Amino acid sequence: MTLVYFFKKLSQVTQIHIIGTSLGGVDMPYFNEIKESTEENTIWNIYCHYPQDMSIFVEKIKSLGVNEENIIALDTSKFFDFKKP
């Protein structure tokens, strides 16, 4: 599968889940391509290990042109189930 084909298929995505990235400069062109390939009303779920990073990560996603209403910042525990049986 080529990257062009991959990004083209994202037009059907309604939610994006971001976990395990710092959203550093090297990552932003990739996330920008995802943003350009998805609908404007796509929900962006950002999982943060450190609560103090949430506002930073939201601002980084907003810098791509994503509406703040479509960005949800969550603690990583909401993604991973750390409960023991």
PDB file of N, CA and C in Angstrom:
ATOM      1  N   MET A   1       0.849  -1.171   0.000  1.00  0.00           N
ATOM      2  CA  MET A   1       0.000   0.000   0.000  1.00  0.00           C
ATOM      3  C   MET A   1       0.897   1.238   0.000  1.00  0.00           C
ATOM      4  N   THR A   2       0.617   2.138  -0.882  1.00  0.00           N
ATOM      5  CA  THR A   2       1.394   3.370  -0.949  1.00  0.00           C
ATOM      6  C   THR A   2       0.859   4.378   0.060  1.00  0.00           C
ATOM      7  N   LEU A   3       1.680   5.368   0.408  1.00  0.00           N
ATOM      8  CA  LEU A   3       1.233   6.406   1.334  1.00  0.00           C
ATOM      9  C   LEU A   3       0.054   7.192   0.780  1.00  0.00           C
ATOM     10  N   VAL A   4       0.051   7.439  -0.511  1.00  0.00           N
ATOM     11  CA  VAL A   4      -1.059   8.180  -1.123  1.00  0.00           C
ATOM     12  C   VAL A   4      -2.356   7.419  -0.894  1.00  0.00           C
ATOM     13  N   TYR A   5      -2.329   6.126  -1.119  1.00  0.00           N
ATOM     14  CA  TYR A   5      -3.514   5.293  -0.916  1.00  0.00           C
ATOM     15  C   TYR A   5      -3.924   5.313   0.549  1.00  0.00           C
ATOM     16  N   PHE A   6      -2.955   5.190   1.459  1.00  0.00           N
ATOM     17  CA  PHE A   6      -3.224   5.219   2.896  1.00  0.00           C
ATOM     18  C   PHE A   6      -3.949   6.503   3.287  1.00  0.00           C
ATOM     19  N   PHE A   7      -3.401   7.648   2.913  1.00  0.00           N
ATOM     20  CA  PHE A   7      -4.003   8.922   3.291  1.00  0.00           C
ATOM     21  C   PHE A   7      -5.372   9.120   2.631  1.00  0.00           C
ATOM     22  N   LYS A   8      -5.545   8.605   1.427  1.00  0.00           N
ATOM     23  CA  LYS A   8      -6.829   8.717   0.739  1.00  0.00           C
ATOM     24  C   LYS A   8      -7.919   7.961   1.497  1.00  0.00           C
ATOM     25  N   LYS A   9      -7.574   6.835   2.084  1.00  0.00           N
ATOM     26  CA  LYS A   9      -8.530   6.028   2.839  1.00  0.00           C
ATOM     27  C   LYS A   9      -8.957   6.713   4.136  1.00  0.00           C
ATOM     28  N   LEU A  10      -8.215   7.693   4.602  1.00  0.00           N
ATOM     29  CA  LEU A  10      -8.544   8.369   5.857  1.00  0.00           C
ATOM     30  C   LEU A  10      -9.786   9.245   5.747  1.00  0.00           C
ATOM     31  N   SER A  11     -10.249   9.488   4.551  1.00  0.00           N
ATOM     32  CA  SER A  11     -11.433  10.332   4.387  1.00  0.00           C
ATOM     33  C   SER A  11     -12.661   9.727   5.067  1.00  0.00           C
ATOM     34  N   GLN A  12     -12.618   8.443   5.352  1.00  0.00           N
ATOM     35  CA  GLN A  12     -13.736   7.755   6.002  1.00  0.00           C
ATOM     36  C   GLN A  12     -13.603   7.710   7.524  1.00  0.00           C
ATOM     37  N   VAL A  13     -12.493   8.167   8.050  1.00  0.00           N
ATOM     38  CA  VAL A  13     -12.222   8.107   9.489  1.00  0.00           C
ATOM     39  C   VAL A  13     -13.008   9.199  10.206  1.00  0.00           C
ATOM     40  N   THR A  14     -13.650   8.826  11.323  1.00  0.00           N
ATOM     41  CA  THR A  14     -14.414   9.804  12.097  1.00  0.00           C
ATOM     42  C   THR A  14     -13.729  10.182  13.406  1.00  0.00           C
ATOM     43  N   GLN A  15     -12.794   9.340  13.860  1.00  0.00           N
ATOM     44  CA  GLN A  15     -12.047   9.617  15.077  1.00  0.00           C
ATOM     45  C   GLN A  15     -10.592   9.220  14.902  1.00  0.00           C
ATOM     46  N   ILE A  16      -9.726  10.034  15.499  1.00  0.00           N
ATOM     47  CA  ILE A  16      -8.295   9.763  15.494  1.00  0.00           C
ATOM     48  C   ILE A  16      -7.868   9.636  16.948  1.00  0.00           C
ATOM     49  N   HIS A  17      -7.039   8.639  17.236  1.00  0.00           N
ATOM     50  CA  HIS A  17      -6.514   8.432  18.583  1.00  0.00           C
ATOM     51  C   HIS A  17      -4.998   8.553  18.519  1.00  0.00           C
ATOM     52  N   ILE A  18      -4.469   9.521  19.260  1.00  0.00           N
ATOM     53  CA  ILE A  18      -3.028   9.760  19.276  1.00  0.00           C
ATOM     54  C   ILE A  18      -2.510   9.368  20.646  1.00  0.00           C
ATOM     55  N   ILE A  19      -1.570   8.420  20.651  1.00  0.00           N
ATOM     56  CA  ILE A  19      -0.975   7.975  21.908  1.00  0.00           C
ATOM     57  C   ILE A  19       0.478   7.609  21.660  1.00  0.00           C
ATOM     58  N   GLY A  20       1.316   7.976  22.611  1.00  0.00           N
ATOM     59  CA  GLY A  20       2.720   7.577  22.539  1.00  0.00           C
ATOM     60  C   GLY A  20       3.579   8.434  21.633  1.00  0.00           C
ATOM     61  N   THR A  21       3.197   9.676  21.427  1.00  0.00           N
ATOM     62  CA  THR A  21       4.023  10.581  20.633  1.00  0.00           C
ATOM     63  C   THR A  21       4.156  11.904  21.368  1.00  0.00           C
ATOM     64  N   SER A  22       5.247  12.595  21.123  1.00  0.00           N
ATOM     65  CA  SER A  22       5.452  13.900  21.755  1.00  0.00           C
ATOM     66  C   SER A  22       4.885  15.031  20.901  1.00  0.00           C
ATOM     67  N   LEU A  23       4.390  14.682  19.719  1.00  0.00           N
ATOM     68  CA  LEU A  23       3.936  15.686  18.752  1.00  0.00           C
ATOM     69  C   LEU A  23       5.046  16.699  18.490  1.00  0.00           C
ATOM     70  N   GLY A  24       6.255  16.186  18.395  1.00  0.00           N
ATOM     71  CA  GLY A  24       7.413  17.030  18.109  1.00  0.00           C
ATOM     72  C   GLY A  24       7.431  17.476  16.664  1.00  0.00           C
ATOM     73  N   GLY A  25       8.371  18.324  16.348  1.00  0.00           N
ATOM     74  CA  GLY A  25       8.487  18.878  15.001  1.00  0.00           C
ATOM     75  C   GLY A  25       8.539  17.824  13.915  1.00  0.00           C
ATOM     76  N   VAL A  26       9.207  16.730  14.184  1.00  0.00           N
ATOM     77  CA  VAL A  26       9.328  15.670  13.181  1.00  0.00           C
ATOM     78  C   VAL A  26       7.985  14.977  12.946  1.00  0.00           C
ATOM     79  N   ASP A  27       7.092  15.007  13.937  1.00  0.00           N
ATOM     80  CA  ASP A  27       5.790  14.355  13.823  1.00  0.00           C
ATOM     81  C   ASP A  27       4.737  15.206  13.117  1.00  0.00           C
ATOM     82  N   MET A  28       4.881  16.499  13.177  1.00  0.00           N
ATOM     83  CA  MET A  28       3.816  17.393  12.727  1.00  0.00           C
ATOM     84  C   MET A  28       3.493  17.305  11.236  1.00  0.00           C
ATOM     85  N   PRO A  29       4.454  17.125  10.337  1.00  0.00           N
ATOM     86  CA  PRO A  29       4.072  16.960   8.923  1.00  0.00           C
ATOM     87  C   PRO A  29       3.175  15.734   8.703  1.00  0.00           C
ATOM     88  N   TYR A  30       3.436  14.668   9.434  1.00  0.00           N
ATOM     89  CA  TYR A  30       2.611  13.464   9.346  1.00  0.00           C
ATOM     90  C   TYR A  30       1.192  13.758   9.832  1.00  0.00           C
ATOM     91  N   PHE A  31       1.069  14.414  10.992  1.00  0.00           N
ATOM     92  CA  PHE A  31      -0.259  14.730  11.513  1.00  0.00           C
ATOM     93  C   PHE A  31      -0.969  15.768  10.651  1.00  0.00           C
ATOM     94  N   ASN A  32      -0.223  16.635  10.030  1.00  0.00           N
ATOM     95  CA  ASN A  32      -0.827  17.584   9.096  1.00  0.00           C
ATOM     96  C   ASN A  32      -1.418  16.850   7.894  1.00  0.00           C
ATOM     97  N   GLU A  33      -0.719  15.871   7.403  1.00  0.00           N
ATOM     98  CA  GLU A  33      -1.224  15.081   6.270  1.00  0.00           C
ATOM     99  C   GLU A  33      -2.497  14.335   6.681  1.00  0.00           C
ATOM    100  N   ILE A  34      -2.519  13.825   7.902  1.00  0.00           N
ATOM    101  CA  ILE A  34      -3.728  13.171   8.408  1.00  0.00           C
ATOM    102  C   ILE A  34      -4.868  14.177   8.465  1.00  0.00           C
ATOM    103  N   LYS A  35      -4.602  15.364   8.988  1.00  0.00           N
ATOM    104  CA  LYS A  35      -5.627  16.401   9.088  1.00  0.00           C
ATOM    105  C   LYS A  35      -6.168  16.753   7.712  1.00  0.00           C
ATOM    106  N   GLU A  36      -5.282  16.912   6.740  1.00  0.00           N
ATOM    107  CA  GLU A  36      -5.696  17.261   5.374  1.00  0.00           C
ATOM    108  C   GLU A  36      -6.485  16.140   4.702  1.00  0.00           C
ATOM    109  N   SER A  37      -6.343  14.907   5.206  1.00  0.00           N
ATOM    110  CA  SER A  37      -6.988  13.754   4.592  1.00  0.00           C
ATOM    111  C   SER A  37      -8.293  13.360   5.268  1.00  0.00           C
ATOM    112  N   THR A  38      -8.641  14.043   6.354  1.00  0.00           N
ATOM    113  CA  THR A  38      -9.855  13.706   7.091  1.00  0.00           C
ATOM    114  C   THR A  38     -10.864  14.845   7.001  1.00  0.00           C
ATOM    115  N   GLU A  39     -12.084  14.550   7.389  1.00  0.00           N
ATOM    116  CA  GLU A  39     -13.146  15.549   7.370  1.00  0.00           C
ATOM    117  C   GLU A  39     -12.942  16.564   8.494  1.00  0.00           C
ATOM    118  N   GLU A  40     -13.513  17.736   8.312  1.00  0.00           N
ATOM    119  CA  GLU A  40     -13.355  18.819   9.285  1.00  0.00           C
ATOM    120  C   GLU A  40     -13.936  18.466  10.651  1.00  0.00           C
ATOM    121  N   ASN A  41     -14.962  17.620  10.693  1.00  0.00           N
ATOM    122  CA  ASN A  41     -15.601  17.278  11.958  1.00  0.00           C
ATOM    123  C   ASN A  41     -15.014  16.035  12.635  1.00  0.00           C
ATOM    124  N   THR A  42     -13.879  15.543  12.150  1.00  0.00           N
ATOM    125  CA  THR A  42     -13.209  14.399  12.759  1.00  0.00           C
ATOM    126  C   THR A  42     -12.808  14.729  14.189  1.00  0.00           C
ATOM    127  N   ILE A  43     -13.014  13.797  15.091  1.00  0.00           N
ATOM    128  CA  ILE A  43     -12.647  13.966  16.498  1.00  0.00           C
ATOM    129  C   ILE A  43     -11.212  13.489  16.698  1.00  0.00           C
ATOM    130  N   TRP A  44     -10.420  14.333  17.353  1.00  0.00           N
ATOM    131  CA  TRP A  44      -9.021  14.023  17.654  1.00  0.00           C
ATOM    132  C   TRP A  44      -8.897  13.739  19.146  1.00  0.00           C
ATOM    133  N   ASN A  45      -8.654  12.495  19.514  1.00  0.00           N
ATOM    134  CA  ASN A  45      -8.438  12.084  20.894  1.00  0.00           C
ATOM    135  C   ASN A  45      -6.939  12.014  21.141  1.00  0.00           C
ATOM    136  N   ILE A  46      -6.464  12.836  22.059  1.00  0.00           N
ATOM    137  CA  ILE A  46      -5.035  12.876  22.368  1.00  0.00           C
ATOM    138  C   ILE A  46      -4.841  12.335  23.776  1.00  0.00           C
ATOM    139  N   TYR A  47      -4.083  11.267  23.904  1.00  0.00           N
ATOM    140  CA  TYR A  47      -3.827  10.659  25.202  1.00  0.00           C
ATOM    141  C   TYR A  47      -2.461  11.124  25.710  1.00  0.00           C
ATOM    142  N   CYS A  48      -2.466  11.696  26.912  1.00  0.00           N
ATOM    143  CA  CYS A  48      -1.255  12.285  27.479  1.00  0.00           C
ATOM    144  C   CYS A  48      -0.850  11.530  28.739  1.00  0.00           C
ATOM    145  N   HIS A  49       0.448  11.264  28.847  1.00  0.00           N
ATOM    146  CA  HIS A  49       0.968  10.595  30.040  1.00  0.00           C
ATOM    147  C   HIS A  49       1.015  11.558  31.218  1.00  0.00           C
ATOM    148  N   TYR A  50       1.366  12.802  30.934  1.00  0.00           N
ATOM    149  CA  TYR A  50       1.474  13.814  31.976  1.00  0.00           C
ATOM    150  C   TYR A  50       0.366  14.849  31.800  1.00  0.00           C
ATOM    151  N   PRO A  51      -0.456  15.056  32.824  1.00  0.00           N
ATOM    152  CA  PRO A  51      -1.564  16.023  32.713  1.00  0.00           C
ATOM    153  C   PRO A  51      -1.108  17.420  32.283  1.00  0.00           C
ATOM    154  N   GLN A  52       0.072  17.837  32.681  1.00  0.00           N
ATOM    155  CA  GLN A  52       0.545  19.175  32.319  1.00  0.00           C
ATOM    156  C   GLN A  52       0.829  19.306  30.820  1.00  0.00           C
ATOM    157  N   ASP A  53       0.887  18.199  30.099  1.00  0.00           N
ATOM    158  CA  ASP A  53       1.113  18.237  28.650  1.00  0.00           C
ATOM    159  C   ASP A  53      -0.172  18.429  27.853  1.00  0.00           C
ATOM    160  N   MET A  54      -1.320  18.244  28.481  1.00  0.00           N
ATOM    161  CA  MET A  54      -2.584  18.261  27.742  1.00  0.00           C
ATOM    162  C   MET A  54      -2.795  19.563  26.968  1.00  0.00           C
ATOM    163  N   SER A  55      -2.603  20.696  27.618  1.00  0.00           N
ATOM    164  CA  SER A  55      -2.842  21.968  26.925  1.00  0.00           C
ATOM    165  C   SER A  55      -1.818  22.189  25.815  1.00  0.00           C
ATOM    166  N   ILE A  56      -0.598  21.723  26.013  1.00  0.00           N
ATOM    167  CA  ILE A  56       0.445  21.840  24.980  1.00  0.00           C
ATOM    168  C   ILE A  56       0.049  21.018  23.757  1.00  0.00           C
ATOM    169  N   PHE A  57      -0.390  19.788  23.980  1.00  0.00           N
ATOM    170  CA  PHE A  57      -0.777  18.911  22.876  1.00  0.00           C
ATOM    171  C   PHE A  57      -1.993  19.447  22.142  1.00  0.00           C
ATOM    172  N   VAL A  58      -2.955  19.987  22.881  1.00  0.00           N
ATOM    173  CA  VAL A  58      -4.135  20.575  22.244  1.00  0.00           C
ATOM    174  C   VAL A  58      -3.706  21.725  21.339  1.00  0.00           C
ATOM    175  N   GLU A  59      -2.814  22.572  21.804  1.00  0.00           N
ATOM    176  CA  GLU A  59      -2.341  23.699  20.992  1.00  0.00           C
ATOM    177  C   GLU A  59      -1.620  23.218  19.736  1.00  0.00           C
ATOM    178  N   LYS A  60      -0.857  22.144  19.850  1.00  0.00           N
ATOM    179  CA  LYS A  60      -0.157  21.613  18.673  1.00  0.00           C
ATOM    180  C   LYS A  60      -1.140  21.108  17.621  1.00  0.00           C
ATOM    181  N   ILE A  61      -2.192  20.440  18.062  1.00  0.00           N
ATOM    182  CA  ILE A  61      -3.194  19.958  17.105  1.00  0.00           C
ATOM    183  C   ILE A  61      -3.981  21.128  16.534  1.00  0.00           C
ATOM    184  N   LYS A  62      -4.292  22.108  17.355  1.00  0.00           N
ATOM    185  CA  LYS A  62      -4.967  23.308  16.855  1.00  0.00           C
ATOM    186  C   LYS A  62      -4.122  24.010  15.802  1.00  0.00           C
ATOM    187  N   SER A  63      -2.802  23.981  15.951  1.00  0.00           N
ATOM    188  CA  SER A  63      -1.924  24.643  14.977  1.00  0.00           C
ATOM    189  C   SER A  63      -2.034  24.025  13.587  1.00  0.00           C
ATOM    190  N   LEU A  64      -2.572  22.820  13.503  1.00  0.00           N
ATOM    191  CA  LEU A  64      -2.798  22.171  12.206  1.00  0.00           C
ATOM    192  C   LEU A  64      -4.085  22.662  11.553  1.00  0.00           C
ATOM    193  N   GLY A  65      -4.896  23.392  12.311  1.00  0.00           N
ATOM    194  CA  GLY A  65      -6.168  23.864  11.790  1.00  0.00           C
ATOM    195  C   GLY A  65      -7.360  23.060  12.268  1.00  0.00           C
ATOM    196  N   VAL A  66      -7.139  22.195  13.259  1.00  0.00           N
ATOM    197  CA  VAL A  66      -8.240  21.412  13.823  1.00  0.00           C
ATOM    198  C   VAL A  66      -9.002  22.306  14.796  1.00  0.00           C
ATOM    199  N   ASN A  67     -10.334  22.295  14.708  1.00  0.00           N
ATOM    200  CA  ASN A  67     -11.164  23.070  15.621  1.00  0.00           C
ATOM    201  C   ASN A  67     -11.044  22.521  17.037  1.00  0.00           C
ATOM    202  N   GLU A  68     -10.904  23.422  17.994  1.00  0.00           N
ATOM    203  CA  GLU A  68     -10.726  23.002  19.385  1.00  0.00           C
ATOM    204  C   GLU A  68     -11.887  22.130  19.874  1.00  0.00           C
ATOM    205  N   GLU A  69     -13.084  22.378  19.369  1.00  0.00           N
ATOM    206  CA  GLU A  69     -14.247  21.573  19.765  1.00  0.00           C
ATOM    207  C   GLU A  69     -14.081  20.105  19.378  1.00  0.00           C
ATOM    208  N   ASN A  70     -13.208  19.834  18.432  1.00  0.00           N
ATOM    209  CA  ASN A  70     -13.003  18.467  17.943  1.00  0.00           C
ATOM    210  C   ASN A  70     -11.788  17.793  18.572  1.00  0.00           C
ATOM    211  N   ILE A  71     -11.204  18.424  19.592  1.00  0.00           N
ATOM    212  CA  ILE A  71     -10.012  17.876  20.238  1.00  0.00           C
ATOM    213  C   ILE A  71     -10.367  17.480  21.665  1.00  0.00           C
ATOM    214  N   ILE A  72     -10.058  16.250  22.010  1.00  0.00           N
ATOM    215  CA  ILE A  72     -10.292  15.746  23.359  1.00  0.00           C
ATOM    216  C   ILE A  72      -8.952  15.272  23.913  1.00  0.00           C
ATOM    217  N   ALA A  73      -8.520  15.881  25.018  1.00  0.00           N
ATOM    218  CA  ALA A  73      -7.277  15.477  25.683  1.00  0.00           C
ATOM    219  C   ALA A  73      -7.631  14.589  26.867  1.00  0.00           C
ATOM    220  N   LEU A  74      -7.014  13.421  26.920  1.00  0.00           N
ATOM    221  CA  LEU A  74      -7.323  12.430  27.943  1.00  0.00           C
ATOM    222  C   LEU A  74      -6.039  11.895  28.563  1.00  0.00           C
ATOM    223  N   ASP A  75      -6.152  11.413  29.787  1.00  0.00           N
ATOM    224  CA  ASP A  75      -5.038  10.730  30.436  1.00  0.00           C
ATOM    225  C   ASP A  75      -4.862   9.362  29.777  1.00  0.00           C
ATOM    226  N   THR A  76      -3.628   8.889  29.665  1.00  0.00           N
ATOM    227  CA  THR A  76      -3.379   7.596  29.007  1.00  0.00           C
ATOM    228  C   THR A  76      -4.104   6.446  29.692  1.00  0.00           C
ATOM    229  N   SER A  77      -4.436   6.605  30.971  1.00  0.00           N
ATOM    230  CA  SER A  77      -5.162   5.532  31.663  1.00  0.00           C
ATOM    231  C   SER A  77      -6.531   5.306  31.035  1.00  0.00           C
ATOM    232  N   LYS A  78      -7.050   6.294  30.305  1.00  0.00           N
ATOM    233  CA  LYS A  78      -8.332   6.138  29.599  1.00  0.00           C
ATOM    234  C   LYS A  78      -8.173   5.241  28.370  1.00  0.00           C
ATOM    235  N   PHE A  79      -6.941   5.117  27.884  1.00  0.00           N
ATOM    236  CA  PHE A  79      -6.677   4.280  26.713  1.00  0.00           C
ATOM    237  C   PHE A  79      -6.284   2.869  27.144  1.00  0.00           C
ATOM    238  N   PHE A  80      -5.343   2.811  28.097  1.00  0.00           N
ATOM    239  CA  PHE A  80      -4.865   1.528  28.589  1.00  0.00           C
ATOM    240  C   PHE A  80      -5.646   1.158  29.839  1.00  0.00           C
ATOM    241  N   ASP A  81      -6.021  -0.074  29.947  1.00  0.00           N
ATOM    242  CA  ASP A  81      -6.704  -0.554  31.139  1.00  0.00           C
ATOM    243  C   ASP A  81      -5.648  -1.140  32.076  1.00  0.00           C
ATOM    244  N   PHE A  82      -5.265  -0.362  33.081  1.00  0.00           N
ATOM    245  CA  PHE A  82      -4.218  -0.792  34.007  1.00  0.00           C
ATOM    246  C   PHE A  82      -4.775  -1.548  35.202  1.00  0.00           C
ATOM    247  N   LYS A  83      -6.062  -1.820  35.212  1.00  0.00           N
ATOM    248  CA  LYS A  83      -6.667  -2.541  36.327  1.00  0.00           C
ATOM    249  C   LYS A  83      -6.205  -3.984  36.317  1.00  0.00           C
ATOM    250  N   LYS A  84      -5.894  -4.494  37.502  1.00  0.00           N
ATOM    251  CA  LYS A  84      -5.502  -5.891  37.608  1.00  0.00           C
ATOM    252  C   LYS A  84      -6.752  -6.731  37.838  1.00  0.00           C
ATOM    253  N   PRO A  85      -6.764  -7.941  37.282  1.00  0.00           N
ATOM    254  CA  PRO A  85      -7.945  -8.805  37.441  1.00  0.00           C
ATOM    255  C   PRO A  85      -8.172  -9.201  38.885  1.00  0.00           C
TER     256      PRO A  85
END
